[in-house]
N, C-alpha and C. Protein backbone atom coordinates (compact mmCIF):
# COMPACT_ATOMS: atom_id res chain seq x y z
N UNK A 1 -107.84 -116.88 -61.69
CA UNK A 1 -108.20 -116.96 -63.62
C UNK A 1 -108.33 -119.05 -63.77
N UNK A 2 -109.40 -118.50 -65.11
CA UNK A 2 -109.55 -120.04 -65.11
C UNK A 2 -108.82 -120.26 -66.35
N UNK A 3 -108.15 -121.50 -65.53
CA UNK A 3 -107.62 -122.12 -66.38
C UNK A 3 -107.53 -122.70 -67.68
N UNK A 4 -107.97 -122.84 -68.46
CA UNK A 4 -108.84 -122.95 -69.73
C UNK A 4 -108.23 -121.40 -70.68
N UNK A 5 -108.26 -120.27 -69.87
CA UNK A 5 -107.49 -119.34 -70.24
C UNK A 5 -106.19 -119.35 -70.90
N UNK A 6 -105.83 -118.99 -71.35
CA UNK A 6 -104.56 -118.64 -71.48
C UNK A 6 -104.40 -117.06 -72.47
N UNK A 7 -102.24 -117.18 -72.64
CA UNK A 7 -101.85 -116.07 -72.32
C UNK A 7 -102.06 -116.65 -74.44
N UNK A 8 -102.26 -115.22 -74.36
CA UNK A 8 -102.49 -115.09 -75.82
C UNK A 8 -101.14 -113.41 -77.28
N UNK A 9 -100.06 -112.95 -76.07
CA UNK A 9 -100.23 -111.78 -76.23
C UNK A 9 -98.86 -112.82 -76.82
N UNK A 10 -97.64 -111.47 -78.00
CA UNK A 10 -96.38 -111.52 -78.77
C UNK A 10 -96.36 -113.53 -78.58
N UNK A 11 -97.43 -113.90 -79.51
CA UNK A 11 -95.99 -115.30 -79.66
C UNK A 11 -96.34 -115.25 -81.56
N UNK A 12 -95.14 -116.04 -81.98
CA UNK A 12 -95.33 -116.76 -83.28
C UNK A 12 -96.01 -117.89 -83.29
N UNK A 13 -96.74 -117.76 -84.87
CA UNK A 13 -97.25 -117.00 -85.42
C UNK A 13 -98.18 -116.74 -84.74
N UNK A 14 -98.37 -115.41 -85.13
CA UNK A 14 -99.93 -114.40 -83.59
C UNK A 14 -101.27 -115.47 -83.39
N UNK A 15 -101.65 -114.80 -82.90
CA UNK A 15 -102.70 -115.35 -82.41
C UNK A 15 -104.03 -115.86 -83.23
N UNK A 16 -104.70 -116.32 -83.43
CA UNK A 16 -105.46 -116.26 -84.53
C UNK A 16 -107.14 -115.69 -84.14
N UNK A 17 -107.94 -115.56 -84.77
CA UNK A 17 -108.82 -115.17 -83.92
C UNK A 17 -109.89 -116.08 -83.69
N UNK A 18 -109.53 -117.23 -83.63
CA UNK A 18 -109.94 -118.27 -82.64
C UNK A 18 -109.70 -118.36 -81.91
N UNK A 19 -108.95 -118.05 -81.79
CA UNK A 19 -108.58 -118.61 -80.26
C UNK A 19 -108.77 -117.76 -80.01
N UNK A 20 -108.90 -116.16 -79.25
CA UNK A 20 -108.87 -114.70 -79.19
C UNK A 20 -110.90 -115.36 -78.88
N UNK A 21 -111.75 -115.82 -79.78
CA UNK A 21 -113.12 -116.55 -79.15
C UNK A 21 -112.55 -117.56 -78.40
N UNK A 22 -111.90 -118.45 -78.63
CA UNK A 22 -112.44 -119.26 -77.32
C UNK A 22 -111.97 -118.88 -75.51
N UNK A 23 -110.98 -117.66 -76.07
CA UNK A 23 -110.98 -116.99 -75.07
C UNK A 23 -112.13 -116.47 -74.11
N UNK A 24 -112.58 -116.02 -74.95
CA UNK A 24 -113.41 -114.97 -75.22
C UNK A 24 -115.04 -116.04 -74.13
N UNK A 25 -115.35 -116.71 -75.00
CA UNK A 25 -115.93 -117.63 -74.37
C UNK A 25 -116.03 -118.62 -73.17
N UNK A 26 -114.78 -118.82 -73.14
CA UNK A 26 -114.19 -119.20 -72.22
C UNK A 26 -114.85 -118.21 -70.52
N UNK A 27 -114.45 -116.31 -71.24
CA UNK A 27 -114.35 -116.25 -69.55
C UNK A 27 -115.71 -115.48 -69.47
N UNK A 28 -116.41 -115.20 -70.44
CA UNK A 28 -117.71 -115.89 -70.65
C UNK A 28 -118.51 -116.78 -69.31
N UNK A 29 -117.93 -117.82 -69.68
CA UNK A 29 -118.86 -119.09 -69.38
C UNK A 29 -118.76 -118.93 -67.56
N UNK A 30 -116.64 -118.71 -66.60
CA UNK A 30 -116.09 -118.68 -65.68
C UNK A 30 -117.10 -117.63 -65.65
N UNK A 31 -117.15 -116.50 -66.02
CA UNK A 31 -118.25 -114.97 -65.26
C UNK A 31 -119.80 -115.36 -65.17
N UNK A 32 -120.06 -115.71 -65.90
CA UNK A 32 -121.65 -116.26 -65.80
C UNK A 32 -121.93 -117.05 -64.65
N UNK A 33 -121.37 -118.02 -64.70
CA UNK A 33 -121.59 -119.35 -64.20
C UNK A 33 -121.94 -121.21 -64.93
N UNK A 34 -122.55 -120.04 -66.36
CA UNK A 34 -122.95 -120.89 -67.59
C UNK A 34 -122.23 -121.94 -68.87
N UNK A 35 -122.28 -123.65 -68.41
CA UNK A 35 -121.56 -123.61 -69.85
C UNK A 35 -122.25 -123.69 -71.19
N UNK A 36 -123.84 -123.01 -70.87
CA UNK A 36 -124.34 -123.58 -71.68
C UNK A 36 -125.58 -122.45 -71.58
N UNK A 37 -125.92 -121.62 -71.74
CA UNK A 37 -127.00 -120.36 -71.48
C UNK A 37 -128.01 -120.72 -71.66
N UNK A 38 -129.37 -120.67 -70.72
CA UNK A 38 -130.69 -121.32 -71.40
C UNK A 38 -131.16 -119.54 -72.16
N UNK A 39 -132.25 -120.52 -73.35
CA UNK A 39 -132.32 -119.25 -74.56
C UNK A 39 -132.69 -118.33 -73.86
N UNK A 40 -133.52 -118.08 -72.79
CA UNK A 40 -133.95 -116.59 -72.60
C UNK A 40 -132.81 -115.96 -72.13
N UNK A 41 -131.54 -116.41 -72.03
CA UNK A 41 -130.48 -115.53 -72.27
C UNK A 41 -129.20 -116.04 -73.15
N UNK A 42 -129.53 -116.67 -74.41
CA UNK A 42 -128.57 -116.49 -75.05
C UNK A 42 -128.30 -115.85 -76.56
N UNK A 43 -128.97 -115.05 -76.17
CA UNK A 43 -128.76 -112.76 -76.54
C UNK A 43 -127.71 -113.08 -76.25
N UNK A 44 -128.05 -112.24 -74.87
CA UNK A 44 -126.68 -111.34 -74.52
C UNK A 44 -125.39 -112.37 -73.65
N UNK A 45 -125.73 -113.65 -73.49
CA UNK A 45 -123.89 -114.24 -73.65
C UNK A 45 -123.49 -114.17 -75.62
N UNK A 46 -124.27 -114.42 -75.98
CA UNK A 46 -123.78 -114.04 -77.01
C UNK A 46 -122.86 -113.18 -77.28
N UNK A 47 -123.19 -111.89 -76.96
CA UNK A 47 -123.37 -110.81 -77.58
C UNK A 47 -122.23 -110.53 -76.06
N UNK A 48 -121.96 -111.29 -75.00
CA UNK A 48 -121.49 -110.62 -74.31
C UNK A 48 -119.71 -111.14 -74.57
N UNK A 49 -120.36 -112.62 -75.26
CA UNK A 49 -118.68 -112.89 -75.84
C UNK A 49 -118.17 -112.36 -76.87
N UNK A 50 -118.82 -112.42 -77.74
CA UNK A 50 -118.48 -111.10 -78.82
C UNK A 50 -117.20 -109.59 -78.40
N UNK A 51 -118.56 -108.95 -77.71
CA UNK A 51 -117.81 -107.62 -76.86
C UNK A 51 -115.89 -107.48 -75.80
N UNK A 52 -116.40 -109.06 -75.67
CA UNK A 52 -115.02 -109.88 -74.71
C UNK A 52 -114.58 -110.17 -75.83
N UNK A 53 -114.47 -110.15 -77.12
CA UNK A 53 -113.62 -110.97 -77.46
C UNK A 53 -113.40 -109.05 -78.31
N UNK A 54 -113.84 -108.68 -79.33
CA UNK A 54 -113.60 -107.28 -79.65
C UNK A 54 -112.37 -106.44 -78.83
N UNK A 55 -112.84 -106.34 -77.51
CA UNK A 55 -111.60 -105.86 -76.13
C UNK A 55 -111.18 -106.58 -76.90
N UNK A 56 -110.64 -108.12 -76.27
CA UNK A 56 -109.23 -108.54 -75.95
C UNK A 56 -108.67 -108.37 -78.06
N UNK A 57 -109.00 -108.77 -78.88
CA UNK A 57 -108.81 -108.22 -79.99
C UNK A 57 -107.79 -107.06 -80.30
N UNK A 58 -108.57 -105.54 -79.47
CA UNK A 58 -108.09 -104.19 -79.68
C UNK A 58 -107.15 -104.34 -78.33
N UNK A 59 -107.66 -104.52 -77.23
CA UNK A 59 -105.73 -105.19 -76.10
C UNK A 59 -104.76 -105.70 -76.88
N UNK A 60 -104.75 -106.88 -77.48
CA UNK A 60 -104.14 -107.11 -78.25
C UNK A 60 -103.15 -106.92 -79.14
N UNK A 61 -103.47 -105.91 -80.46
CA UNK A 61 -103.09 -105.41 -81.12
C UNK A 61 -102.27 -103.08 -80.53
N UNK A 62 -103.07 -102.46 -79.57
CA UNK A 62 -102.43 -102.18 -78.41
C UNK A 62 -101.19 -103.06 -78.07
N UNK A 63 -100.85 -103.57 -77.45
CA UNK A 63 -100.30 -103.58 -76.39
C UNK A 63 -98.77 -103.24 -77.62
N UNK A 64 -97.77 -102.32 -76.75
CA UNK A 64 -96.02 -103.72 -77.31
C UNK A 64 -94.65 -104.10 -76.26
N UNK A 65 -94.41 -104.53 -76.84
CA UNK A 65 -93.18 -105.10 -76.12
C UNK A 65 -92.20 -105.28 -77.18
N UNK A 66 -90.40 -105.03 -76.07
CA UNK A 66 -89.80 -105.76 -77.04
C UNK A 66 -89.20 -106.64 -76.89
N UNK A 67 -90.02 -107.27 -76.50
CA UNK A 67 -89.22 -109.06 -75.71
C UNK A 67 -89.49 -109.57 -76.83
N UNK A 68 -88.40 -110.85 -77.38
CA UNK A 68 -88.67 -111.88 -78.74
C UNK A 68 -90.50 -112.55 -78.00
N UNK A 69 -90.73 -112.89 -79.88
CA UNK A 69 -91.66 -113.77 -79.60
C UNK A 69 -92.02 -115.00 -78.95
N UNK A 70 -92.85 -115.75 -78.40
CA UNK A 70 -93.11 -117.00 -77.94
C UNK A 70 -93.10 -117.54 -79.12
N UNK A 71 -93.11 -119.45 -78.61
CA UNK A 71 -92.64 -120.11 -79.90
C UNK A 71 -93.57 -120.46 -79.57
N UNK A 72 -94.78 -121.06 -79.66
CA UNK A 72 -95.96 -121.40 -79.49
C UNK A 72 -95.27 -122.82 -79.34
N UNK A 73 -95.08 -123.69 -80.36
CA UNK A 73 -94.47 -125.26 -80.12
C UNK A 73 -93.77 -125.70 -78.67
N UNK A 74 -92.52 -124.41 -78.08
CA UNK A 74 -91.79 -124.53 -76.84
C UNK A 74 -92.82 -124.24 -75.08
N UNK A 75 -93.98 -123.86 -76.02
CA UNK A 75 -94.75 -123.10 -74.39
C UNK A 75 -95.20 -125.18 -74.53
N UNK A 76 -95.85 -125.23 -75.79
CA UNK A 76 -96.32 -126.38 -75.31
C UNK A 76 -95.34 -127.77 -74.99
N UNK A 77 -94.93 -128.50 -75.24
CA UNK A 77 -93.49 -129.22 -74.56
C UNK A 77 -93.43 -128.58 -73.39
N UNK A 78 -92.89 -127.66 -72.48
CA UNK A 78 -93.34 -126.88 -71.63
C UNK A 78 -94.46 -128.17 -70.39
N UNK A 79 -95.68 -126.64 -71.25
CA UNK A 79 -97.01 -127.59 -70.41
C UNK A 79 -96.37 -129.39 -70.14
N UNK A 80 -96.76 -129.98 -71.86
CA UNK A 80 -96.76 -131.21 -71.40
C UNK A 80 -95.58 -132.17 -70.29
N UNK A 81 -94.79 -131.17 -70.83
CA UNK A 81 -93.58 -132.08 -69.45
C UNK A 81 -93.96 -131.51 -67.96
N UNK A 82 -94.72 -130.02 -68.06
CA UNK A 82 -95.40 -130.18 -66.49
C UNK A 82 -96.29 -130.94 -66.17
N UNK A 83 -97.45 -131.75 -67.61
CA UNK A 83 -97.59 -132.46 -67.10
C UNK A 83 -97.65 -133.59 -66.80
N UNK A 84 -96.64 -134.62 -67.34
CA UNK A 84 -95.92 -135.26 -66.92
C UNK A 84 -95.06 -135.48 -65.31
N UNK A 85 -94.38 -134.23 -65.43
CA UNK A 85 -94.13 -134.73 -63.66
C UNK A 85 -95.63 -134.70 -62.65
N UNK A 86 -96.13 -133.78 -63.29
CA UNK A 86 -97.84 -133.41 -61.98
C UNK A 86 -98.54 -134.27 -62.11
N UNK A 87 -98.83 -135.77 -62.44
CA UNK A 87 -99.38 -136.71 -62.93
C UNK A 87 -97.93 -138.23 -63.14
N UNK A 88 -97.43 -137.17 -62.65
CA UNK A 88 -96.56 -138.86 -63.32
C UNK A 88 -97.09 -139.71 -64.07
N UNK A 89 -96.85 -138.96 -65.29
CA UNK A 89 -97.57 -139.80 -66.89
C UNK A 89 -95.85 -140.29 -67.24
N UNK A 90 -96.25 -141.33 -67.76
CA UNK A 90 -94.67 -141.97 -68.84
C UNK A 90 -94.12 -141.14 -70.13
N UNK A 91 -93.73 -141.21 -70.59
CA UNK A 91 -93.38 -141.46 -72.08
C UNK A 91 -94.17 -139.84 -73.13
N UNK A 92 -94.96 -138.73 -72.36
CA UNK A 92 -95.01 -137.62 -72.77
C UNK A 92 -94.22 -136.47 -73.54
């Protein structure tokens, strides 16, 4: 899985449309192999991003869970701690 695509489900505050759009863009970039498509592929690339975003939004709206919602700040802090440990960063 692409490292830049993050879990978007069950967060407080809820996932934004911008986050869904960014994940869709990362997914299409990974699958297509293009960071930026050529002019010839620009329209189909944009359409793919739009369709993936729409499918992602539909998925997130349809899922059900009894688990407590995740706190974005706690998740971000854990990621910073893992990075500090992995890369030997002090004061992160």
